[in-house]
């Protein structure tokens, strides 16, 4: 997902696409995938909350993406 998003942003630059919305959707999907994995592997709710918080920090610190 991230590779495809970056490819679109760098090489295609379609004027009709909102790349901020696309980035937000990619981030939400990645967090959702982790959360779904943790739930289906019977992790405790506190671990899930901790992982989500850490992912948000990573996205913000290293990618400059703010996620609520």
C-alpha atoms as a PDB file:
ATOM      1  CA  UNK A   1       0.000   0.000   0.000  1.00  0.00           C
ATOM      2  CA  UNK A   2       2.719   2.450   0.954  1.00  0.00           C
ATOM      3  CA  UNK A   3       4.777   1.633  -2.132  1.00  0.00           C
ATOM      4  CA  UNK A   4       1.780   2.169  -4.421  1.00  0.00           C
ATOM      5  CA  UNK A   5       0.882   5.429  -2.697  1.00  0.00           C
ATOM      6  CA  UNK A   6       4.443   6.743  -2.990  1.00  0.00           C
ATOM      7  CA  UNK A   7       4.594   5.708  -6.631  1.00  0.00           C
ATOM      8  CA  UNK A   8       1.381   7.638  -7.371  1.00  0.00           C
ATOM      9  CA  UNK A   9       2.571  10.729  -5.535  1.00  0.00           C
ATOM     10  CA  UNK A  10       6.052  10.806  -7.059  1.00  0.00           C
ATOM     11  CA  UNK A  11       5.484   9.657 -10.632  1.00  0.00           C
ATOM     12  CA  UNK A  12       1.887  10.374 -11.608  1.00  0.00           C
ATOM     13  CA  UNK A  13       0.720  13.515  -9.780  1.00  0.00           C
ATOM     14  CA  UNK A  14      -2.898  13.467 -10.947  1.00  0.00           C
ATOM     15  CA  UNK A  15      -4.485  16.847 -10.333  1.00  0.00           C
ATOM     16  CA  UNK A  16      -7.914  15.342  -9.684  1.00  0.00           C
ATOM     17  CA  UNK A  17      -6.697  13.116  -6.827  1.00  0.00           C
ATOM     18  CA  UNK A  18      -6.415  14.275  -3.227  1.00  0.00           C
ATOM     19  CA  UNK A  19      -3.199  12.671  -1.994  1.00  0.00           C
ATOM     20  CA  UNK A  20      -3.855  13.718   1.602  1.00  0.00           C
ATOM     21  CA  UNK A  21      -7.038  11.650   1.561  1.00  0.00           C
ATOM     22  CA  UNK A  22      -5.199   8.740  -0.053  1.00  0.00           C
ATOM     23  CA  UNK A  23      -2.448   8.921   2.584  1.00  0.00           C
ATOM     24  CA  UNK A  24      -5.019   9.002   5.370  1.00  0.00           C
ATOM     25  CA  UNK A  25      -6.741   5.924   3.947  1.00  0.00           C
ATOM     26  CA  UNK A  26      -3.451   4.030   3.704  1.00  0.00           C
ATOM     27  CA  UNK A  27      -2.567   4.861   7.319  1.00  0.00           C
ATOM     28  CA  UNK A  28      -6.028   3.873   8.562  1.00  0.00           C
ATOM     29  CA  UNK A  29      -5.863   0.592   6.647  1.00  0.00           C
ATOM     30  CA  UNK A  30      -2.446  -0.294   8.039  1.00  0.00           C
ATOM     31  CA  UNK A  31      -3.580   0.420  11.595  1.00  0.00           C
ATOM     32  CA  UNK A  32      -6.763  -1.569  10.979  1.00  0.00           C
ATOM     33  CA  UNK A  33      -4.740  -4.531   9.677  1.00  0.00           C
ATOM     34  CA  UNK A  34      -2.568  -4.552  12.800  1.00  0.00           C
ATOM     35  CA  UNK A  35      -5.591  -4.222  15.056  1.00  0.00           C
ATOM     36  CA  UNK A  36      -7.414  -7.051  13.279  1.00  0.00           C
ATOM     37  CA  UNK A  37      -4.343  -9.271  13.532  1.00  0.00           C
ATOM     38  CA  UNK A  38      -3.978  -8.557  17.248  1.00  0.00           C
ATOM     39  CA  UNK A  39      -7.657  -9.233  17.923  1.00  0.00           C
ATOM     40  CA  UNK A  40      -7.630 -12.514  15.997  1.00  0.00           C
ATOM     41  CA  UNK A  41      -4.483 -13.680  17.777  1.00  0.00           C
ATOM     42  CA  UNK A  42      -6.201 -13.111  21.137  1.00  0.00           C
ATOM     43  CA  UNK A  43      -4.077 -10.202  22.340  1.00  0.00           C
ATOM     44  CA  UNK A  44      -5.300  -8.234  25.319  1.00  0.00           C
ATOM     45  CA  UNK A  45      -7.050  -4.890  24.713  1.00  0.00           C
ATOM     46  CA  UNK A  46      -4.188  -3.027  26.428  1.00  0.00           C
ATOM     47  CA  UNK A  47      -1.676  -4.467  23.958  1.00  0.00           C
ATOM     48  CA  UNK A  48      -3.909  -3.389  21.069  1.00  0.00           C
ATOM     49  CA  UNK A  49      -4.142   0.161  22.439  1.00  0.00           C
ATOM     50  CA  UNK A  50      -0.363   0.250  22.946  1.00  0.00           C
ATOM     51  CA  UNK A  51       0.323  -0.929  19.375  1.00  0.00           C
ATOM     52  CA  UNK A  52      -2.079   1.644  17.923  1.00  0.00           C
ATOM     53  CA  UNK A  53      -0.465   4.436  19.950  1.00  0.00           C
ATOM     54  CA  UNK A  54       3.024   3.358  18.850  1.00  0.00           C
ATOM     55  CA  UNK A  55       1.975   3.173  15.184  1.00  0.00           C
ATOM     56  CA  UNK A  56       0.589   6.703  15.388  1.00  0.00           C
ATOM     57  CA  UNK A  57       3.900   7.923  16.819  1.00  0.00           C
ATOM     58  CA  UNK A  58       5.846   6.162  14.054  1.00  0.00           C
ATOM     59  CA  UNK A  59       3.636   7.585  11.316  1.00  0.00           C
ATOM     60  CA  UNK A  60       3.935  11.072  12.766  1.00  0.00           C
ATOM     61  CA  UNK A  61       7.651  11.045  13.606  1.00  0.00           C
ATOM     62  CA  UNK A  62       9.064   9.299  10.567  1.00  0.00           C
ATOM     63  CA  UNK A  63       6.520  10.014   7.856  1.00  0.00           C
ATOM     64  CA  UNK A  64       5.147  13.346   9.044  1.00  0.00           C
ATOM     65  CA  UNK A  65       1.631  11.920   8.971  1.00  0.00           C
ATOM     66  CA  UNK A  66      -0.778  12.924  11.695  1.00  0.00           C
ATOM     67  CA  UNK A  67      -3.471  10.366  12.431  1.00  0.00           C
ATOM     68  CA  UNK A  68      -6.363  10.735  14.889  1.00  0.00           C
END
